[in-house]
Structure formats: structure tokens, C-alpha cells
Amino acid sequence: MKTEHIKDLIRLITENPEMDVIPLIHYEVVGGDYGYWGGEIERVELGWFCEYNERRYSDMSDLSELMENEGQDIAAINKVLKTQRQVIYIFIGEGICKTAGGTNK
């Protein structure tokens, strides 16, 4: 695990104690019938978070496009987008946990 990522995480939490911390785990990390999966922090950053129809979105343009495709009008889209909040994201990938066969165990 790279020390600068841990320092970035501590700095962001210290500067923004009111923000939620949300881990985003790459799909290659999770798999199989194991109780725990190993991963490595790839980066830490501030981002936006919103919920819509029991799903969570980190990309507001994807959410807007989805709502438009569902036939939602601009007022409905703006109402949902007003509920977005800033969060601290921890991006977790395979990193040093990746084995030669490409499987994370």
C-alpha cells in the first residue's frame, strides 16, 4: 500500500470530518467463495454521491442521462441532483494482492 494514499486519506478526513468515506472496490478484487478479499488503495479523492431508485451513483452525468432515458423531466432530474453530496472516495484495486493467475485470493 502506498504511503501517499494513506496520507491523502488522513488529510481529507481531517479537513472534511463531516463527509462520508465510501470505498469503491474494483470488480476484479471481489470474487469466489471467500469471506475476505485483499485489495490495495489505488487513489483517494473527493467526489459526488447521489442515490436514485435504490442505486448509488458517483457520476452525475450518468444519472442525468439515465433519468432522461426514463422520460424524467428537467425539474425531476434537478430535484434528484440537489440531493447529491460530496464524499471521500477510496478506490481499491488488486494492487499487490493480484496473483500470477490473475485471481485475487
PDB file of N, CA and C in Angstrom:
ATOM      1  N   MET A   1       0.847  -1.168   0.000  1.00  0.00           N
ATOM      2  CA  MET A   1       0.000   0.000   0.000  1.00  0.00           C
ATOM      3  C   MET A   1       0.896   1.234   0.000  1.00  0.00           C
ATOM      4  N   LYS A   2       0.587   2.161  -0.839  1.00  0.00           N
ATOM      5  CA  LYS A   2       1.429   3.332  -0.965  1.00  0.00           C
ATOM      6  C   LYS A   2       1.123   4.338   0.134  1.00  0.00           C
ATOM      7  N   THR A   3       2.174   4.784   0.785  1.00  0.00           N
ATOM      8  CA  THR A   3       2.045   5.686   1.919  1.00  0.00           C
ATOM      9  C   THR A   3       1.336   6.984   1.553  1.00  0.00           C
ATOM     10  N   GLU A   4       1.569   7.496   0.336  1.00  0.00           N
ATOM     11  CA  GLU A   4       0.949   8.769  -0.028  1.00  0.00           C
ATOM     12  C   GLU A   4      -0.572   8.670  -0.061  1.00  0.00           C
ATOM     13  N   HIS A   5      -1.111   7.490  -0.402  1.00  0.00           N
ATOM     14  CA  HIS A   5      -2.566   7.320  -0.414  1.00  0.00           C
ATOM     15  C   HIS A   5      -3.127   7.379   1.006  1.00  0.00           C
ATOM     16  N   ILE A   6      -2.425   6.786   1.940  1.00  0.00           N
ATOM     17  CA  ILE A   6      -2.857   6.832   3.338  1.00  0.00           C
ATOM     18  C   ILE A   6      -2.787   8.268   3.849  1.00  0.00           C
ATOM     19  N   LYS A   7      -1.719   8.965   3.509  1.00  0.00           N
ATOM     20  CA  LYS A   7      -1.584  10.374   3.920  1.00  0.00           C
ATOM     21  C   LYS A   7      -2.693  11.216   3.320  1.00  0.00           C
ATOM     22  N   ASP A   8      -3.020  10.978   2.031  1.00  0.00           N
ATOM     23  CA  ASP A   8      -4.122  11.702   1.389  1.00  0.00           C
ATOM     24  C   ASP A   8      -5.443  11.431   2.097  1.00  0.00           C
ATOM     25  N   LEU A   9      -5.681  10.172   2.437  1.00  0.00           N
ATOM     26  CA  LEU A   9      -6.920   9.804   3.123  1.00  0.00           C
ATOM     27  C   LEU A   9      -7.018  10.500   4.481  1.00  0.00           C
ATOM     28  N   ILE A  10      -5.959  10.452   5.253  1.00  0.00           N
ATOM     29  CA  ILE A  10      -5.960  11.101   6.575  1.00  0.00           C
ATOM     30  C   ILE A  10      -6.169  12.609   6.429  1.00  0.00           C
ATOM     31  N   ARG A  11      -5.503  13.210   5.449  1.00  0.00           N
ATOM     32  CA  ARG A  11      -5.659  14.651   5.227  1.00  0.00           C
ATOM     33  C   ARG A  11      -7.098  15.005   4.869  1.00  0.00           C
ATOM     34  N   LEU A  12      -7.703  14.246   3.936  1.00  0.00           N
ATOM     35  CA  LEU A  12      -9.079  14.539   3.529  1.00  0.00           C
ATOM     36  C   LEU A  12     -10.066  14.337   4.674  1.00  0.00           C
ATOM     37  N   ILE A  13      -9.871  13.315   5.471  1.00  0.00           N
ATOM     38  CA  ILE A  13     -10.764  13.086   6.613  1.00  0.00           C
ATOM     39  C   ILE A  13     -10.595  14.196   7.644  1.00  0.00           C
ATOM     40  N   THR A  14      -9.356  14.607   7.884  1.00  0.00           N
ATOM     41  CA  THR A  14      -9.089  15.672   8.844  1.00  0.00           C
ATOM     42  C   THR A  14      -9.694  16.998   8.377  1.00  0.00           C
ATOM     43  N   GLU A  15      -9.560  17.295   7.087  1.00  0.00           N
ATOM     44  CA  GLU A  15     -10.088  18.539   6.528  1.00  0.00           C
ATOM     45  C   GLU A  15     -11.603  18.520   6.371  1.00  0.00           C
ATOM     46  N   ASN A  16     -12.197  17.322   6.267  1.00  0.00           N
ATOM     47  CA  ASN A  16     -13.639  17.182   5.982  1.00  0.00           C
ATOM     48  C   ASN A  16     -14.270  16.127   6.888  1.00  0.00           C
ATOM     49  N   PRO A  17     -14.253  16.331   8.209  1.00  0.00           N
ATOM     50  CA  PRO A  17     -14.737  15.280   9.111  1.00  0.00           C
ATOM     51  C   PRO A  17     -16.229  14.963   8.963  1.00  0.00           C
ATOM     52  N   GLU A  18     -16.983  15.872   8.350  1.00  0.00           N
ATOM     53  CA  GLU A  18     -18.418  15.650   8.185  1.00  0.00           C
ATOM     54  C   GLU A  18     -18.745  14.778   6.976  1.00  0.00           C
ATOM     55  N   MET A  19     -17.778  14.549   6.106  1.00  0.00           N
ATOM     56  CA  MET A  19     -18.033  13.778   4.885  1.00  0.00           C
ATOM     57  C   MET A  19     -17.972  12.283   5.134  1.00  0.00           C
ATOM     58  N   ASP A  20     -18.852  11.564   4.427  1.00  0.00           N
ATOM     59  CA  ASP A  20     -18.798  10.109   4.443  1.00  0.00           C
ATOM     60  C   ASP A  20     -17.575   9.648   3.655  1.00  0.00           C
ATOM     61  N   VAL A  21     -17.040   8.495   4.046  1.00  0.00           N
ATOM     62  CA  VAL A  21     -15.941   7.861   3.331  1.00  0.00           C
ATOM     63  C   VAL A  21     -16.509   6.617   2.664  1.00  0.00           C
ATOM     64  N   ILE A  22     -16.397   6.553   1.330  1.00  0.00           N
ATOM     65  CA  ILE A  22     -17.000   5.457   0.580  1.00  0.00           C
ATOM     66  C   ILE A  22     -15.920   4.713  -0.202  1.00  0.00           C
ATOM     67  N   PRO A  23     -15.724   3.422   0.099  1.00  0.00           N
ATOM     68  CA  PRO A  23     -14.769   2.638  -0.696  1.00  0.00           C
ATOM     69  C   PRO A  23     -15.437   2.191  -2.002  1.00  0.00           C
ATOM     70  N   LEU A  24     -14.727   2.338  -3.103  1.00  0.00           N
ATOM     71  CA  LEU A  24     -15.162   1.825  -4.403  1.00  0.00           C
ATOM     72  C   LEU A  24     -14.181   0.725  -4.773  1.00  0.00           C
ATOM     73  N   ILE A  25     -14.684  -0.504  -4.815  1.00  0.00           N
ATOM     74  CA  ILE A  25     -13.825  -1.671  -4.989  1.00  0.00           C
ATOM     75  C   ILE A  25     -13.958  -2.195  -6.417  1.00  0.00           C
ATOM     76  N   HIS A  26     -12.833  -2.303  -7.090  1.00  0.00           N
ATOM     77  CA  HIS A  26     -12.808  -2.792  -8.472  1.00  0.00           C
ATOM     78  C   HIS A  26     -13.362  -4.216  -8.520  1.00  0.00           C
ATOM     79  N   TYR A  27     -14.113  -4.532  -9.576  1.00  0.00           N
ATOM     80  CA  TYR A  27     -14.762  -5.838  -9.671  1.00  0.00           C
ATOM     81  C   TYR A  27     -13.774  -7.000  -9.632  1.00  0.00           C
ATOM     82  N   GLU A  28     -12.530  -6.800 -10.066  1.00  0.00           N
ATOM     83  CA  GLU A  28     -11.557  -7.897 -10.061  1.00  0.00           C
ATOM     84  C   GLU A  28     -11.103  -8.277  -8.656  1.00  0.00           C
ATOM     85  N   VAL A  29     -11.334  -7.394  -7.690  1.00  0.00           N
ATOM     86  CA  VAL A  29     -10.928  -7.679  -6.309  1.00  0.00           C
ATOM     87  C   VAL A  29     -11.855  -8.716  -5.687  1.00  0.00           C
ATOM     88  N   VAL A  30     -13.136  -8.593  -5.950  1.00  0.00           N
ATOM     89  CA  VAL A  30     -14.139  -9.430  -5.281  1.00  0.00           C
ATOM     90  C   VAL A  30     -14.507 -10.612  -6.168  1.00  0.00           C
ATOM     91  N   GLY A  31     -14.510 -11.800  -5.590  1.00  0.00           N
ATOM     92  CA  GLY A  31     -14.917 -12.971  -6.349  1.00  0.00           C
ATOM     93  C   GLY A  31     -14.663 -14.240  -5.574  1.00  0.00           C
ATOM     94  N   GLY A  32     -15.223 -15.305  -6.048  1.00  0.00           N
ATOM     95  CA  GLY A  32     -15.030 -16.595  -5.390  1.00  0.00           C
ATOM     96  C   GLY A  32     -15.854 -16.727  -4.126  1.00  0.00           C
ATOM     97  N   ASP A  33     -15.582 -17.767  -3.390  1.00  0.00           N
ATOM     98  CA  ASP A  33     -16.345 -18.068  -2.180  1.00  0.00           C
ATOM     99  C   ASP A  33     -15.530 -17.777  -0.928  1.00  0.00           C
ATOM    100  N   TYR A  34     -14.924 -16.637  -0.873  1.00  0.00           N
ATOM    101  CA  TYR A  34     -14.085 -16.275   0.261  1.00  0.00           C
ATOM    102  C   TYR A  34     -14.819 -15.285   1.150  1.00  0.00           C
ATOM    103  N   GLY A  35     -14.437 -15.249   2.425  1.00  0.00           N
ATOM    104  CA  GLY A  35     -15.053 -14.323   3.365  1.00  0.00           C
ATOM    105  C   GLY A  35     -14.425 -12.945   3.312  1.00  0.00           C
ATOM    106  N   TYR A  36     -13.169 -12.864   2.888  1.00  0.00           N
ATOM    107  CA  TYR A  36     -12.459 -11.597   2.800  1.00  0.00           C
ATOM    108  C   TYR A  36     -11.695 -11.552   1.481  1.00  0.00           C
ATOM    109  N   TRP A  37     -11.528 -10.345   0.958  1.00  0.00           N
ATOM    110  CA  TRP A  37     -10.775 -10.168  -0.270  1.00  0.00           C
ATOM    111  C   TRP A  37      -9.706  -9.114  -0.025  1.00  0.00           C
ATOM    112  N   GLY A  38      -8.543  -9.329  -0.580  1.00  0.00           N
ATOM    113  CA  GLY A  38      -7.453  -8.373  -0.420  1.00  0.00           C
ATOM    114  C   GLY A  38      -7.410  -7.409  -1.584  1.00  0.00           C
ATOM    115  N   GLY A  39      -7.172  -6.159  -1.269  1.00  0.00           N
ATOM    116  CA  GLY A  39      -7.028  -5.140  -2.292  1.00  0.00           C
ATOM    117  C   GLY A  39      -6.061  -4.078  -1.812  1.00  0.00           C
ATOM    118  N   GLU A  40      -5.766  -3.141  -2.691  1.00  0.00           N
ATOM    119  CA  GLU A  40      -4.838  -2.070  -2.363  1.00  0.00           C
ATOM    120  C   GLU A  40      -5.458  -0.739  -2.755  1.00  0.00           C
ATOM    121  N   ILE A  41      -5.240   0.268  -1.936  1.00  0.00           N
ATOM    122  CA  ILE A  41      -5.742   1.594  -2.261  1.00  0.00           C
ATOM    123  C   ILE A  41      -4.969   2.123  -3.470  1.00  0.00           C
ATOM    124  N   GLU A  42      -5.715   2.448  -4.522  1.00  0.00           N
ATOM    125  CA  GLU A  42      -5.102   2.995  -5.735  1.00  0.00           C
ATOM    126  C   GLU A  42      -5.056   4.514  -5.705  1.00  0.00           C
ATOM    127  N   ARG A  43      -6.117   5.109  -5.153  1.00  0.00           N
ATOM    128  CA  ARG A  43      -6.160   6.561  -5.013  1.00  0.00           C
ATOM    129  C   ARG A  43      -7.287   6.947  -4.062  1.00  0.00           C
ATOM    130  N   VAL A  44      -7.215   8.181  -3.608  1.00  0.00           N
ATOM    131  CA  VAL A  44      -8.215   8.734  -2.706  1.00  0.00           C
ATOM    132  C   VAL A  44      -8.565  10.120  -3.243  1.00  0.00           C
ATOM    133  N   GLU A  45      -9.871  10.428  -3.319  1.00  0.00           N
ATOM    134  CA  GLU A  45     -10.249  11.743  -3.839  1.00  0.00           C
ATOM    135  C   GLU A  45     -11.637  12.144  -3.378  1.00  0.00           C
ATOM    136  N   LEU A  46     -11.894  13.444  -3.467  1.00  0.00           N
ATOM    137  CA  LEU A  46     -13.234  13.950  -3.211  1.00  0.00           C
ATOM    138  C   LEU A  46     -14.082  13.712  -4.455  1.00  0.00           C
ATOM    139  N   GLY A  47     -15.350  13.419  -4.241  1.00  0.00           N
ATOM    140  CA  GLY A  47     -16.256  13.210  -5.358  1.00  0.00           C
ATOM    141  C   GLY A  47     -17.685  13.473  -4.920  1.00  0.00           C
ATOM    142  N   TRP A  48     -18.608  13.237  -5.805  1.00  0.00           N
ATOM    143  CA  TRP A  48     -20.029  13.455  -5.529  1.00  0.00           C
ATOM    144  C   TRP A  48     -20.751  12.123  -5.493  1.00  0.00           C
ATOM    145  N   PHE A  49     -21.818  12.071  -4.694  1.00  0.00           N
ATOM    146  CA  PHE A  49     -22.563  10.844  -4.448  1.00  0.00           C
ATOM    147  C   PHE A  49     -24.041  11.185  -4.436  1.00  0.00           C
ATOM    148  N   CYS A  50     -24.838  10.331  -5.064  1.00  0.00           N
ATOM    149  CA  CYS A  50     -26.282  10.546  -5.105  1.00  0.00           C
ATOM    150  C   CYS A  50     -26.980   9.194  -5.167  1.00  0.00           C
ATOM    151  N   GLU A  51     -28.184   9.128  -4.590  1.00  0.00           N
ATOM    152  CA  GLU A  51     -28.981   7.903  -4.646  1.00  0.00           C
ATOM    153  C   GLU A  51     -30.235   8.166  -5.471  1.00  0.00           C
ATOM    154  N   TYR A  52     -30.601   7.157  -6.260  1.00  0.00           N
ATOM    155  CA  TYR A  52     -31.800   7.239  -7.092  1.00  0.00           C
ATOM    156  C   TYR A  52     -32.310   5.831  -7.317  1.00  0.00           C
ATOM    157  N   ASN A  53     -33.587   5.602  -7.004  1.00  0.00           N
ATOM    158  CA  ASN A  53     -34.218   4.285  -7.180  1.00  0.00           C
ATOM    159  C   ASN A  53     -33.383   3.162  -6.563  1.00  0.00           C
ATOM    160  N   GLU A  54     -32.960   3.371  -5.332  1.00  0.00           N
ATOM    161  CA  GLU A  54     -32.217   2.379  -4.549  1.00  0.00           C
ATOM    162  C   GLU A  54     -30.855   2.030  -5.144  1.00  0.00           C
ATOM    163  N   ARG A  55     -30.347   2.847  -6.048  1.00  0.00           N
ATOM    164  CA  ARG A  55     -28.995   2.674  -6.594  1.00  0.00           C
ATOM    165  C   ARG A  55     -28.181   3.895  -6.233  1.00  0.00           C
ATOM    166  N   ARG A  56     -26.874   3.714  -6.182  1.00  0.00           N
ATOM    167  CA  ARG A  56     -25.978   4.795  -5.816  1.00  0.00           C
ATOM    168  C   ARG A  56     -25.134   5.190  -7.021  1.00  0.00           C
ATOM    169  N   TYR A  57     -24.959   6.476  -7.200  1.00  0.00           N
ATOM    170  CA  TYR A  57     -24.240   6.996  -8.360  1.00  0.00           C
ATOM    171  C   TYR A  57     -23.109   7.918  -7.925  1.00  0.00           C
ATOM    172  N   SER A  58     -21.970   7.756  -8.596  1.00  0.00           N
ATOM    173  CA  SER A  58     -20.849   8.664  -8.372  1.00  0.00           C
ATOM    174  C   SER A  58     -20.632   9.546  -9.596  1.00  0.00           C
ATOM    175  N   ASP A  59     -21.309   9.258 -10.673  1.00  0.00           N
ATOM    176  CA  ASP A  59     -21.189  10.038 -11.899  1.00  0.00           C
ATOM    177  C   ASP A  59     -22.543  10.677 -12.191  1.00  0.00           C
ATOM    178  N   MET A  60     -22.638  11.979 -11.941  1.00  0.00           N
ATOM    179  CA  MET A  60     -23.919  12.665 -12.079  1.00  0.00           C
ATOM    180  C   MET A  60     -24.375  12.742 -13.536  1.00  0.00           C
ATOM    181  N   SER A  61     -23.442  12.751 -14.495  1.00  0.00           N
ATOM    182  CA  SER A  61     -23.859  12.774 -15.898  1.00  0.00           C
ATOM    183  C   SER A  61     -24.515  11.452 -16.280  1.00  0.00           C
ATOM    184  N   ASP A  62     -24.009  10.331 -15.742  1.00  0.00           N
ATOM    185  CA  ASP A  62     -24.651   9.032 -15.990  1.00  0.00           C
ATOM    186  C   ASP A  62     -26.056   9.020 -15.407  1.00  0.00           C
ATOM    187  N   LEU A  63     -26.206   9.562 -14.208  1.00  0.00           N
ATOM    188  CA  LEU A  63     -27.517   9.598 -13.560  1.00  0.00           C
ATOM    189  C   LEU A  63     -28.483  10.472 -14.356  1.00  0.00           C
ATOM    190  N   SER A  64     -28.040  11.642 -14.777  1.00  0.00           N
ATOM    191  CA  SER A  64     -28.904  12.530 -15.570  1.00  0.00           C
ATOM    192  C   SER A  64     -29.352  11.858 -16.857  1.00  0.00           C
ATOM    193  N   GLU A  65     -28.411  11.199 -17.525  1.00  0.00           N
ATOM    194  CA  GLU A  65     -28.734  10.511 -18.783  1.00  0.00           C
ATOM    195  C   GLU A  65     -29.739   9.387 -18.542  1.00  0.00           C
ATOM    196  N   LEU A  66     -29.549   8.617 -17.478  1.00  0.00           N
ATOM    197  CA  LEU A  66     -30.486   7.546 -17.150  1.00  0.00           C
ATOM    198  C   LEU A  66     -31.886   8.108 -16.927  1.00  0.00           C
ATOM    199  N   MET A  67     -31.975   9.182 -16.161  1.00  0.00           N
ATOM    200  CA  MET A  67     -33.285   9.772 -15.873  1.00  0.00           C
ATOM    201  C   MET A  67     -33.944  10.321 -17.135  1.00  0.00           C
ATOM    202  N   GLU A  68     -33.152  10.932 -18.009  1.00  0.00           N
ATOM    203  CA  GLU A  68     -33.695  11.424 -19.279  1.00  0.00           C
ATOM    204  C   GLU A  68     -34.236  10.261 -20.101  1.00  0.00           C
ATOM    205  N   ASN A  69     -33.487   9.162 -20.152  1.00  0.00           N
ATOM    206  CA  ASN A  69     -33.928   7.983 -20.907  1.00  0.00           C
ATOM    207  C   ASN A  69     -35.189   7.378 -20.320  1.00  0.00           C
ATOM    208  N   GLU A  70     -35.405   7.558 -19.017  1.00  0.00           N
ATOM    209  CA  GLU A  70     -36.632   7.082 -18.377  1.00  0.00           C
ATOM    210  C   GLU A  70     -37.796   8.038 -18.596  1.00  0.00           C
ATOM    211  N   GLY A  71     -37.541   9.171 -19.257  1.00  0.00           N
ATOM    212  CA  GLY A  71     -38.594  10.138 -19.535  1.00  0.00           C
ATOM    213  C   GLY A  71     -38.807  11.158 -18.436  1.00  0.00           C
ATOM    214  N   GLN A  72     -37.875  11.259 -17.519  1.00  0.00           N
ATOM    215  CA  GLN A  72     -37.993  12.249 -16.439  1.00  0.00           C
ATOM    216  C   GLN A  72     -37.778  13.645 -17.015  1.00  0.00           C
ATOM    217  N   ASP A  73     -38.554  14.614 -16.515  1.00  0.00           N
ATOM    218  CA  ASP A  73     -38.354  15.980 -16.995  1.00  0.00           C
ATOM    219  C   ASP A  73     -37.216  16.661 -16.226  1.00  0.00           C
ATOM    220  N   ILE A  74     -36.824  17.824 -16.691  1.00  0.00           N
ATOM    221  CA  ILE A  74     -35.688  18.547 -16.116  1.00  0.00           C
ATOM    222  C   ILE A  74     -35.920  18.847 -14.634  1.00  0.00           C
ATOM    223  N   ALA A  75     -37.140  19.194 -14.258  1.00  0.00           N
ATOM    224  CA  ALA A  75     -37.428  19.516 -12.857  1.00  0.00           C
ATOM    225  C   ALA A  75     -37.181  18.301 -11.952  1.00  0.00           C
ATOM    226  N   ALA A  76     -37.594  17.127 -12.400  1.00  0.00           N
ATOM    227  CA  ALA A  76     -37.389  15.902 -11.612  1.00  0.00           C
ATOM    228  C   ALA A  76     -35.904  15.569 -11.505  1.00  0.00           C
ATOM    229  N   ILE A  77     -35.190  15.742 -12.618  1.00  0.00           N
ATOM    230  CA  ILE A  77     -33.752  15.468 -12.618  1.00  0.00           C
ATOM    231  C   ILE A  77     -33.043  16.418 -11.667  1.00  0.00           C
ATOM    232  N   ASN A  78     -33.361  17.711 -11.748  1.00  0.00           N
ATOM    233  CA  ASN A  78     -32.723  18.694 -10.864  1.00  0.00           C
ATOM    234  C   ASN A  78     -33.041  18.436  -9.406  1.00  0.00           C
ATOM    235  N   LYS A  79     -34.256  17.967  -9.116  1.00  0.00           N
ATOM    236  CA  LYS A  79     -34.635  17.660  -7.731  1.00  0.00           C
ATOM    237  C   LYS A  79     -33.746  16.545  -7.174  1.00  0.00           C
ATOM    238  N   VAL A  80     -33.521  15.506  -7.966  1.00  0.00           N
ATOM    239  CA  VAL A  80     -32.661  14.398  -7.528  1.00  0.00           C
ATOM    240  C   VAL A  80     -31.221  14.871  -7.399  1.00  0.00           C
ATOM    241  N   LEU A  81     -30.747  15.637  -8.379  1.00  0.00           N
ATOM    242  CA  LEU A  81     -29.356  16.097  -8.335  1.00  0.00           C
ATOM    243  C   LEU A  81     -29.085  17.022  -7.152  1.00  0.00           C
ATOM    244  N   LYS A  82     -30.108  17.702  -6.662  1.00  0.00           N
ATOM    245  CA  LYS A  82     -29.929  18.558  -5.480  1.00  0.00           C
ATOM    246  C   LYS A  82     -29.655  17.744  -4.230  1.00  0.00           C
ATOM    247  N   THR A  83     -29.940  16.446  -4.262  1.00  0.00           N
ATOM    248  CA  THR A  83     -29.692  15.595  -3.089  1.00  0.00           C
ATOM    249  C   THR A  83     -28.259  15.068  -3.059  1.00  0.00           C
ATOM    250  N   GLN A  84     -27.487  15.344  -4.118  1.00  0.00           N
ATOM    251  CA  GLN A  84     -26.111  14.841  -4.137  1.00  0.00           C
ATOM    252  C   GLN A  84     -25.309  15.505  -3.022  1.00  0.00           C
ATOM    253  N   ARG A  85     -24.321  14.765  -2.559  1.00  0.00           N
ATOM    254  CA  ARG A  85     -23.450  15.305  -1.520  1.00  0.00           C
ATOM    255  C   ARG A  85     -22.006  14.930  -1.831  1.00  0.00           C
ATOM    256  N   GLN A  86     -21.102  15.741  -1.315  1.00  0.00           N
ATOM    257  CA  GLN A  86     -19.694  15.470  -1.540  1.00  0.00           C
ATOM    258  C   GLN A  86     -19.220  14.438  -0.523  1.00  0.00           C
ATOM    259  N   VAL A  87     -18.388  13.509  -0.998  1.00  0.00           N
ATOM    260  CA  VAL A  87     -17.878  12.419  -0.169  1.00  0.00           C
ATOM    261  C   VAL A  87     -16.392  12.215  -0.457  1.00  0.00           C
ATOM    262  N   ILE A  88     -15.769  11.400   0.364  1.00  0.00           N
ATOM    263  CA  ILE A  88     -14.391  10.986   0.150  1.00  0.00           C
ATOM    264  C   ILE A  88     -14.423   9.575  -0.397  1.00  0.00           C
ATOM    265  N   TYR A  89     -13.891   9.383  -1.602  1.00  0.00           N
ATOM    266  CA  TYR A  89     -13.835   8.062  -2.210  1.00  0.00           C
ATOM    267  C   TYR A  89     -12.462   7.437  -1.998  1.00  0.00           C
ATOM    268  N   ILE A  90     -12.473   6.143  -1.676  1.00  0.00           N
ATOM    269  CA  ILE A  90     -11.251   5.345  -1.643  1.00  0.00           C
ATOM    270  C   ILE A  90     -11.388   4.323  -2.774  1.00  0.00           C
ATOM    271  N   PHE A  91     -10.546   4.422  -3.774  1.00  0.00           N
ATOM    272  CA  PHE A  91     -10.578   3.493  -4.904  1.00  0.00           C
ATOM    273  C   PHE A  91      -9.646   2.326  -4.583  1.00  0.00           C
ATOM    274  N   ILE A  92     -10.210   1.112  -4.570  1.00  0.00           N
ATOM    275  CA  ILE A  92      -9.452  -0.075  -4.196  1.00  0.00           C
ATOM    276  C   ILE A  92      -9.358  -1.014  -5.402  1.00  0.00           C
ATOM    277  N   GLY A  93      -8.124  -1.394  -5.740  1.00  0.00           N
ATOM    278  CA  GLY A  93      -7.873  -2.316  -6.838  1.00  0.00           C
ATOM    279  C   GLY A  93      -7.070  -3.503  -6.353  1.00  0.00           C
ATOM    280  N   GLU A  94      -6.686  -4.352  -7.272  1.00  0.00           N
ATOM    281  CA  GLU A  94      -5.957  -5.567  -6.895  1.00  0.00           C
ATOM    282  C   GLU A  94      -4.576  -5.279  -6.311  1.00  0.00           C
ATOM    283  N   GLY A  95      -3.859  -4.361  -6.914  1.00  0.00           N
ATOM    284  CA  GLY A  95      -2.543  -3.996  -6.410  1.00  0.00           C
ATOM    285  C   GLY A  95      -1.640  -5.190  -6.154  1.00  0.00           C
ATOM    286  N   ILE A  96      -1.000  -5.212  -4.997  1.00  0.00           N
ATOM    287  CA  ILE A  96      -0.058  -6.272  -4.659  1.00  0.00           C
ATOM    288  C   ILE A  96      -0.743  -7.588  -4.363  1.00  0.00           C
ATOM    289  N   CYS A  97      -2.068  -7.586  -4.254  1.00  0.00           N
ATOM    290  CA  CYS A  97      -2.803  -8.814  -3.925  1.00  0.00           C
ATOM    291  C   CYS A  97      -3.070  -9.687  -5.146  1.00  0.00           C
ATOM    292  N   LYS A  98      -2.780  -9.176  -6.324  1.00  0.00           N
ATOM    293  CA  LYS A  98      -3.027  -9.933  -7.549  1.00  0.00           C
ATOM    294  C   LYS A  98      -2.018 -11.083  -7.642  1.00  0.00           C
ATOM    295  N   THR A  99      -2.516 -12.268  -7.911  1.00  0.00           N
ATOM    296  CA  THR A  99      -1.633 -13.423  -8.057  1.00  0.00           C
ATOM    297  C   THR A  99      -1.262 -13.614  -9.518  1.00  0.00           C
ATOM    298  N   ALA A 100      -0.331 -14.474  -9.781  1.00  0.00           N
ATOM    299  CA  ALA A 100       0.152 -14.721 -11.147  1.00  0.00           C
ATOM    300  C   ALA A 100      -0.979 -15.148 -12.068  1.00  0.00           C
ATOM    301  N   GLY A 101      -1.958 -15.875 -11.551  1.00  0.00           N
ATOM    302  CA  GLY A 101      -3.062 -16.360 -12.377  1.00  0.00           C
ATOM    303  C   GLY A 101      -4.138 -15.332 -12.594  1.00  0.00           C
ATOM    304  N   GLY A 102      -3.994 -14.156 -11.994  1.00  0.00           N
ATOM    305  CA  GLY A 102      -4.976 -13.107 -12.175  1.00  0.00           C
ATOM    306  C   GLY A 102      -6.151 -13.229 -11.230  1.00  0.00           C
ATOM    307  N   THR A 103      -6.123 -14.151 -10.301  1.00  0.00           N
ATOM    308  CA  THR A 103      -7.215 -14.324  -9.356  1.00  0.00           C
ATOM    309  C   THR A 103      -6.808 -13.752  -8.019  1.00  0.00           C
ATOM    310  N   ASN A 104      -7.720 -13.040  -7.392  1.00  0.00           N
ATOM    311  CA  ASN A 104      -7.444 -12.434  -6.102  1.00  0.00           C
ATOM    312  C   ASN A 104      -7.893 -13.386  -5.008  1.00  0.00           C
ATOM    313  N   LYS A 105      -6.973 -13.906  -4.217  1.00  0.00           N
ATOM    314  CA  LYS A 105      -7.331 -14.846  -3.146  1.00  0.00           C
ATOM    315  C   LYS A 105      -6.738 -14.406  -1.842  1.00  0.00           C
TER     316      LYS A 105
END
